[in-house]
PDB file of N, CA and C in Angstrom:
ATOM      1  N   MET A   1      71.224 139.911  94.373  1.00  0.00           N
ATOM      2  CA  MET A   1      71.168 138.536  94.842  1.00  0.00           C
ATOM      3  C   MET A   1      72.699 137.915  94.803  1.00  0.00           C
ATOM      4  N   THR A   2      73.162 137.336  95.570  1.00  0.00           N
ATOM      5  CA  THR A   2      74.375 136.642  95.686  1.00  0.00           C
ATOM      6  C   THR A   2      74.161 134.899  95.545  1.00  0.00           C
ATOM      7  N   GLN A   3      74.891 134.561  94.815  1.00  0.00           N
ATOM      8  CA  GLN A   3      74.837 133.276  94.292  1.00  0.00           C
ATOM      9  C   GLN A   3      76.198 132.521  95.127  1.00  0.00           C
ATOM     10  N   GLU A   4      75.820 131.536  96.108  1.00  0.00           N
ATOM     11  CA  GLU A   4      76.566 130.695  96.774  1.00  0.00           C
ATOM     12  C   GLU A   4      77.178 129.581  95.796  1.00  0.00           C
ATOM     13  N   MET A   5      78.506 129.251  96.020  1.00  0.00           N
ATOM     14  CA  MET A   5      79.150 128.413  95.025  1.00  0.00           C
ATOM     15  C   MET A   5      79.017 127.076  95.707  1.00  0.00           C
ATOM     16  N   SER A   6      78.729 126.163  94.902  1.00  0.00           N
ATOM     17  CA  SER A   6      78.724 124.624  95.466  1.00  0.00           C
ATOM     18  C   SER A   6      79.959 124.193  95.675  1.00  0.00           C
ATOM     19  N   PRO A   7      80.087 123.402  96.567  1.00  0.00           N
ATOM     20  CA  PRO A   7      81.475 122.853  96.889  1.00  0.00           C
ATOM     21  C   PRO A   7      81.920 121.893  95.734  1.00  0.00           C
ATOM     22  N   THR A   8      83.182 121.874  95.523  1.00  0.00           N
ATOM     23  CA  THR A   8      83.757 121.139  94.362  1.00  0.00           C
ATOM     24  C   THR A   8      83.684 119.887  94.915  1.00  0.00           C
ATOM     25  N   ARG A   9      83.458 118.836  93.915  1.00  0.00           N
ATOM     26  CA  ARG A   9      83.479 117.469  94.414  1.00  0.00           C
ATOM     27  C   ARG A   9      84.225 116.672  93.553  1.00  0.00           C
ATOM     28  N   VAL A  10      84.746 115.623  94.086  1.00  0.00           N
ATOM     29  CA  VAL A  10      85.763 114.596  93.356  1.00  0.00           C
ATOM     30  C   VAL A  10      84.604 113.269  93.380  1.00  0.00           C
ATOM     31  N   LYS A  11      84.823 112.276  92.421  1.00  0.00           N
ATOM     32  CA  LYS A  11      84.345 111.198  92.444  1.00  0.00           C
ATOM     33  C   LYS A  11      85.287 110.127  91.923  1.00  0.00           C
ATOM     34  N   VAL A  12      85.257 108.985  92.229  1.00  0.00           N
ATOM     35  CA  VAL A  12      86.411 107.889  92.018  1.00  0.00           C
ATOM     36  C   VAL A  12      85.478 106.653  92.050  1.00  0.00           C
ATOM     37  N   GLY A  13      85.831 105.796  90.942  1.00  0.00           N
ATOM     38  CA  GLY A  13      85.134 104.501  90.724  1.00  0.00           C
ATOM     39  C   GLY A  13      86.045 103.706  90.449  1.00  0.00           C
ATOM     40  N   LEU A  14      85.995 102.386  91.045  1.00  0.00           N
ATOM     41  CA  LEU A  14      87.021 101.401  90.725  1.00  0.00           C
ATOM     42  C   LEU A  14      86.321 100.378  90.242  1.00  0.00           C
ATOM     43  N   ARG A  15      86.632  99.328  89.506  1.00  0.00           N
ATOM     44  CA  ARG A  15      86.159  98.067  89.219  1.00  0.00           C
ATOM     45  C   ARG A  15      87.225  96.710  88.948  1.00  0.00           C
ATOM     46  N   PHE A  16      87.125  95.737  89.793  1.00  0.00           N
ATOM     47  CA  PHE A  16      87.865  94.635  89.614  1.00  0.00           C
ATOM     48  C   PHE A  16      87.126  93.450  89.020  1.00  0.00           C
ATOM     49  N   LEU A  17      87.972  92.818  87.944  1.00  0.00           N
ATOM     50  CA  LEU A  17      87.351  91.573  87.421  1.00  0.00           C
ATOM     51  C   LEU A  17      88.326  90.471  87.578  1.00  0.00           C
ATOM     52  N   ARG A  18      87.768  89.392  87.868  1.00  0.00           N
ATOM     53  CA  ARG A  18      88.553  88.258  88.058  1.00  0.00           C
ATOM     54  C   ARG A  18      88.091  87.146  87.280  1.00  0.00           C
ATOM     55  N   ASN A  19      88.971  86.513  86.507  1.00  0.00           N
ATOM     56  CA  ASN A  19      88.371  85.012  85.898  1.00  0.00           C
ATOM     57  C   ASN A  19      88.524  84.024  86.672  1.00  0.00           C
ATOM     58  N   LEU A  20      87.919  83.263  87.182  1.00  0.00           N
ATOM     59  CA  LEU A  20      87.661  82.118  87.980  1.00  0.00           C
ATOM     60  C   LEU A  20      87.896  80.914  87.125  1.00  0.00           C
ATOM     61  N   GLY A  21      87.976  80.956  86.069  1.00  0.00           N
ATOM     62  CA  GLY A  21      88.072  79.718  85.283  1.00  0.00           C
ATOM     63  C   GLY A  21      86.593  78.903  85.264  1.00  0.00           C
ATOM     64  N   ASN A  22      86.473  78.030  84.365  1.00  0.00           N
ATOM     65  CA  ASN A  22      85.291  77.156  84.205  1.00  0.00           C
ATOM     66  C   ASN A  22      84.115  78.164  83.950  1.00  0.00           C
ATOM     67  N   TYR A  23      84.433  79.219  82.984  1.00  0.00           N
ATOM     68  CA  TYR A  23      83.193  80.236  82.798  1.00  0.00           C
ATOM     69  C   TYR A  23      82.607  80.935  83.733  1.00  0.00           C
ATOM     70  N   GLU A  24      83.516  81.235  84.850  1.00  0.00           N
ATOM     71  CA  GLU A  24      83.013  81.875  86.014  1.00  0.00           C
ATOM     72  C   GLU A  24      84.105  83.221  86.402  1.00  0.00           C
ATOM     73  N   THR A  25      83.381  84.318  86.537  1.00  0.00           N
ATOM     74  CA  THR A  25      84.092  85.359  87.010  1.00  0.00           C
ATOM     75  C   THR A  25      83.596  86.109  88.339  1.00  0.00           C
ATOM     76  N   ILE A  26      84.216  86.856  88.923  1.00  0.00           N
ATOM     77  CA  ILE A  26      83.735  87.828  89.779  1.00  0.00           C
ATOM     78  C   ILE A  26      84.024  89.258  89.366  1.00  0.00           C
ATOM     79  N   ALA A  27      83.176  89.898  89.702  1.00  0.00           N
ATOM     80  CA  ALA A  27      83.309  91.669  89.494  1.00  0.00           C
ATOM     81  C   ALA A  27      82.886  91.940  90.705  1.00  0.00           C
ATOM     82  N   VAL A  28      83.816  93.258  91.101  1.00  0.00           N
ATOM     83  CA  VAL A  28      83.486  94.158  92.283  1.00  0.00           C
ATOM     84  C   VAL A  28      83.692  95.432  91.739  1.00  0.00           C
ATOM     85  N   GLU A  29      82.488  96.111  92.037  1.00  0.00           N
ATOM     86  CA  GLU A  29      82.644  97.595  91.568  1.00  0.00           C
ATOM     87  C   GLU A  29      82.479  98.482  92.667  1.00  0.00           C
ATOM     88  N   LEU A  30      83.086  99.420  93.191  1.00  0.00           N
ATOM     89  CA  LEU A  30      82.819 100.355  94.156  1.00  0.00           C
ATOM     90  C   LEU A  30      83.071 101.863  93.679  1.00  0.00           C
ATOM     91  N   GLY A  31      82.583 102.736  94.205  1.00  0.00           N
ATOM     92  CA  GLY A  31      82.643 104.202  94.143  1.00  0.00           C
ATOM     93  C   GLY A  31      82.433 105.298  95.200  1.00  0.00           C
ATOM     94  N   ILE A  32      82.719 106.362  95.190  1.00  0.00           N
ATOM     95  CA  ILE A  32      82.281 107.292  96.274  1.00  0.00           C
ATOM     96  C   ILE A  32      82.450 108.681  95.651  1.00  0.00           C
ATOM     97  N   GLU A  33      81.542 109.420  95.956  1.00  0.00           N
ATOM     98  CA  GLU A  33      81.875 111.048  95.675  1.00  0.00           C
ATOM     99  C   GLU A  33      81.971 111.583  97.125  1.00  0.00           C
ATOM    100  N   ASP A  34      82.777 112.760  96.885  1.00  0.00           N
ATOM    101  CA  ASP A  34      82.873 113.755  98.127  1.00  0.00           C
ATOM    102  C   ASP A  34      83.246 114.886  97.906  1.00  0.00           C
ATOM    103  N   ASN A  35      83.322 115.898  98.757  1.00  0.00           N
ATOM    104  CA  ASN A  35      83.513 117.199  98.679  1.00  0.00           C
ATOM    105  C   ASN A  35      85.009 117.545  98.905  1.00  0.00           C
ATOM    106  N   VAL A  36      85.403 118.257  98.411  1.00  0.00           N
ATOM    107  CA  VAL A  36      87.001 118.786  98.553  1.00  0.00           C
ATOM    108  C   VAL A  36      86.897 119.550 100.066  1.00  0.00           C
ATOM    109  N   ARG A  37      87.592 118.928 100.956  1.00  0.00           N
ATOM    110  CA  ARG A  37      87.546 119.430 102.300  1.00  0.00           C
ATOM    111  C   ARG A  37      88.320 120.771 102.139  1.00  0.00           C
ATOM    112  N   GLN A  38      87.931 121.539 103.468  1.00  0.00           N
ATOM    113  CA  GLN A  38      88.833 122.687 103.605  1.00  0.00           C
ATOM    114  C   GLN A  38      90.346 122.528 103.625  1.00  0.00           C
ATOM    115  N   GLY A  39      91.059 123.109 103.052  1.00  0.00           N
ATOM    116  CA  GLY A  39      92.412 122.987 103.088  1.00  0.00           C
ATOM    117  C   GLY A  39      93.120 122.244 102.097  1.00  0.00           C
ATOM    118  N   GLU A  40      92.212 121.507 101.411  1.00  0.00           N
ATOM    119  CA  GLU A  40      92.552 120.400 100.314  1.00  0.00           C
ATOM    120  C   GLU A  40      92.279 121.047  98.907  1.00  0.00           C
ATOM    121  N   ASN A  41      93.251 120.685  98.151  1.00  0.00           N
ATOM    122  CA  ASN A  41      92.945 121.146  96.602  1.00  0.00           C
ATOM    123  C   ASN A  41      92.357 119.829  96.055  1.00  0.00           C
ATOM    124  N   VAL A  42      91.916 120.078  94.738  1.00  0.00           N
ATOM    125  CA  VAL A  42      91.327 119.020  93.977  1.00  0.00           C
ATOM    126  C   VAL A  42      92.222 117.622  94.084  1.00  0.00           C
ATOM    127  N   SER A  43      93.362 117.757  93.646  1.00  0.00           N
ATOM    128  CA  SER A  43      94.333 116.809  93.602  1.00  0.00           C
ATOM    129  C   SER A  43      94.420 116.150  94.820  1.00  0.00           C
ATOM    130  N   GLN A  44      94.572 116.756  95.989  1.00  0.00           N
ATOM    131  CA  GLN A  44      94.750 116.066  97.419  1.00  0.00           C
ATOM    132  C   GLN A  44      93.403 115.301  97.630  1.00  0.00           C
ATOM    133  N   ALA A  45      92.434 115.831  97.414  1.00  0.00           N
ATOM    134  CA  ALA A  45      91.061 115.188  97.525  1.00  0.00           C
ATOM    135  C   ALA A  45      90.865 113.985  96.898  1.00  0.00           C
ATOM    136  N   MET A  46      91.321 113.998  95.472  1.00  0.00           N
ATOM    137  CA  MET A  46      91.230 112.897  94.771  1.00  0.00           C
ATOM    138  C   MET A  46      91.973 111.671  94.906  1.00  0.00           C
ATOM    139  N   ASP A  47      93.163 111.993  95.393  1.00  0.00           N
ATOM    140  CA  ASP A  47      94.136 111.081  96.250  1.00  0.00           C
ATOM    141  C   ASP A  47      93.573 110.607  97.501  1.00  0.00           C
ATOM    142  N   ARG A  48      92.911 111.212  98.309  1.00  0.00           N
ATOM    143  CA  ARG A  48      92.426 110.733  99.308  1.00  0.00           C
ATOM    144  C   ARG A  48      91.172 109.735  99.229  1.00  0.00           C
ATOM    145  N   VAL A  49      90.321 110.423  98.231  1.00  0.00           N
ATOM    146  CA  VAL A  49      89.045 109.464  97.712  1.00  0.00           C
ATOM    147  C   VAL A  49      89.425 108.198  97.360  1.00  0.00           C
ATOM    148  N   TYR A  50      90.505 108.188  96.293  1.00  0.00           N
ATOM    149  CA  TYR A  50      91.009 107.270  95.351  1.00  0.00           C
ATOM    150  C   TYR A  50      91.430 106.217  96.576  1.00  0.00           C
ATOM    151  N   GLY A  51      92.478 106.688  97.448  1.00  0.00           N
ATOM    152  CA  GLY A  51      92.954 105.973  98.315  1.00  0.00           C
ATOM    153  C   GLY A  51      91.980 104.867  99.471  1.00  0.00           C
ATOM    154  N   PHE A  52      90.905 105.582  99.525  1.00  0.00           N
ATOM    155  CA  PHE A  52      89.631 104.949 100.329  1.00  0.00           C
ATOM    156  C   PHE A  52      89.111 104.030  99.346  1.00  0.00           C
ATOM    157  N   VAL A  53      88.737 104.251  98.184  1.00  0.00           N
ATOM    158  CA  VAL A  53      87.933 103.370  97.332  1.00  0.00           C
ATOM    159  C   VAL A  53      89.021 101.986  97.175  1.00  0.00           C
ATOM    160  N   GLU A  54      90.400 102.562  96.980  1.00  0.00           N
ATOM    161  CA  GLU A  54      91.173 101.407  96.458  1.00  0.00           C
ATOM    162  C   GLU A  54      91.259 100.394  97.676  1.00  0.00           C
ATOM    163  N   ASP A  55      91.505 100.671  98.866  1.00  0.00           N
ATOM    164  CA  ASP A  55      91.423  99.983 100.078  1.00  0.00           C
ATOM    165  C   ASP A  55      90.261  99.051 100.003  1.00  0.00           C
ATOM    166  N   GLN A  56      89.202  99.874 100.170  1.00  0.00           N
ATOM    167  CA  GLN A  56      87.816  99.206 100.342  1.00  0.00           C
ATOM    168  C   GLN A  56      87.848  98.170  99.191  1.00  0.00           C
ATOM    169  N   LEU A  57      88.154  98.344  97.853  1.00  0.00           N
ATOM    170  CA  LEU A  57      87.805  97.460  96.993  1.00  0.00           C
ATOM    171  C   LEU A  57      88.932  96.281  97.114  1.00  0.00           C
ATOM    172  N   ILE A  58      89.902  96.429  97.693  1.00  0.00           N
ATOM    173  CA  ILE A  58      91.019  95.427  98.028  1.00  0.00           C
ATOM    174  C   ILE A  58      90.289  94.463  98.980  1.00  0.00           C
ATOM    175  N   GLN A  59      89.908  94.983 100.001  1.00  0.00           N
ATOM    176  CA  GLN A  59      89.161  94.427 101.188  1.00  0.00           C
ATOM    177  C   GLN A  59      87.981  93.371 100.704  1.00  0.00           C
ATOM    178  N   ARG A  60      87.354  93.973  99.831  1.00  0.00           N
ATOM    179  CA  ARG A  60      85.771  93.259  99.513  1.00  0.00           C
ATOM    180  C   ARG A  60      86.578  92.195  98.663  1.00  0.00           C
ATOM    181  N   VAL A  61      87.359  92.214  97.713  1.00  0.00           N
ATOM    182  CA  VAL A  61      87.722  91.146  96.809  1.00  0.00           C
ATOM    183  C   VAL A  61      88.493  90.249  97.799  1.00  0.00           C
ATOM    184  N   GLN A  62      89.099  90.481  98.660  1.00  0.00           N
ATOM    185  CA  GLN A  62      89.723  89.698  99.640  1.00  0.00           C
ATOM    186  C   GLN A  62      88.679  88.718 100.397  1.00  0.00           C
ATOM    187  N   ASP A  63      87.681  89.430 100.736  1.00  0.00           N
ATOM    188  CA  ASP A  63      86.552  88.806 101.307  1.00  0.00           C
ATOM    189  C   ASP A  63      85.958  87.575 100.716  1.00  0.00           C
ATOM    190  N   ILE A  64      85.660  88.156  99.450  1.00  0.00           N
ATOM    191  CA  ILE A  64      84.777  87.291  98.409  1.00  0.00           C
ATOM    192  C   ILE A  64      85.767  85.910  97.908  1.00  0.00           C
ATOM    193  N   GLU A  65      87.002  86.332  97.897  1.00  0.00           N
ATOM    194  CA  GLU A  65      87.871  85.288  97.408  1.00  0.00           C
ATOM    195  C   GLU A  65      87.943  84.246  98.696  1.00  0.00           C
ATOM    196  N   ALA A  66      87.846  84.691 100.024  1.00  0.00           N
ATOM    197  CA  ALA A  66      87.875  83.856 100.981  1.00  0.00           C
ATOM    198  C   ALA A  66      86.709  82.927 100.991  1.00  0.00           C
ATOM    199  N   ASP A  67      85.757  83.685 100.828  1.00  0.00           N
ATOM    200  CA  ASP A  67      84.388  82.870 101.062  1.00  0.00           C
ATOM    201  C   ASP A  67      84.201  82.026  99.895  1.00  0.00           C
ATOM    202  N   LEU A  68      84.807  82.169  98.710  1.00  0.00           N
ATOM    203  CA  LEU A  68      84.762  81.129  97.317  1.00  0.00           C
ATOM    204  C   LEU A  68      85.714  80.236  97.691  1.00  0.00           C
ATOM    205  N   SER A  69      86.815  80.293  98.589  1.00  0.00           N
ATOM    206  CA  SER A  69      87.824  79.093  98.932  1.00  0.00           C
ATOM    207  C   SER A  69      87.331  78.560 100.104  1.00  0.00           C
ATOM    208  N   GLY A  70      86.363  79.136 100.757  1.00  0.00           N
ATOM    209  CA  GLY A  70      85.741  78.358 102.061  1.00  0.00           C
ATOM    210  C   GLY A  70      86.605  78.633 103.129  1.00  0.00           C
ATOM    211  N   SER A  71      87.766  79.499 103.138  1.00  0.00           N
ATOM    212  CA  SER A  71      88.536  79.749 104.158  1.00  0.00           C
ATOM    213  C   SER A  71      88.130  80.786 105.100  1.00  0.00           C
ATOM    214  N   LYS A  72      86.902  81.268 105.068  1.00  0.00           N
ATOM    215  CA  LYS A  72      86.452  82.334 106.027  1.00  0.00           C
ATOM    216  C   LYS A  72      85.672  81.771 107.150  1.00  0.00           C
TER     217      LYS A  72
END
């Protein structure tokens, strides 16, 4: 019986917390888990997934801040 190996997975989660003053805060937390792709090593996969999560977190925080300031 041959046992097939599961693909290596990487997981990144980031959280952003901002104090808005007046006892209010916003917290945004995003994460993703993905397989290491063919031709990638674990470090490259981690960089790719981290970059994606980081970009998404920045965009979501900017959207929330725009909504809060009424500029959207």
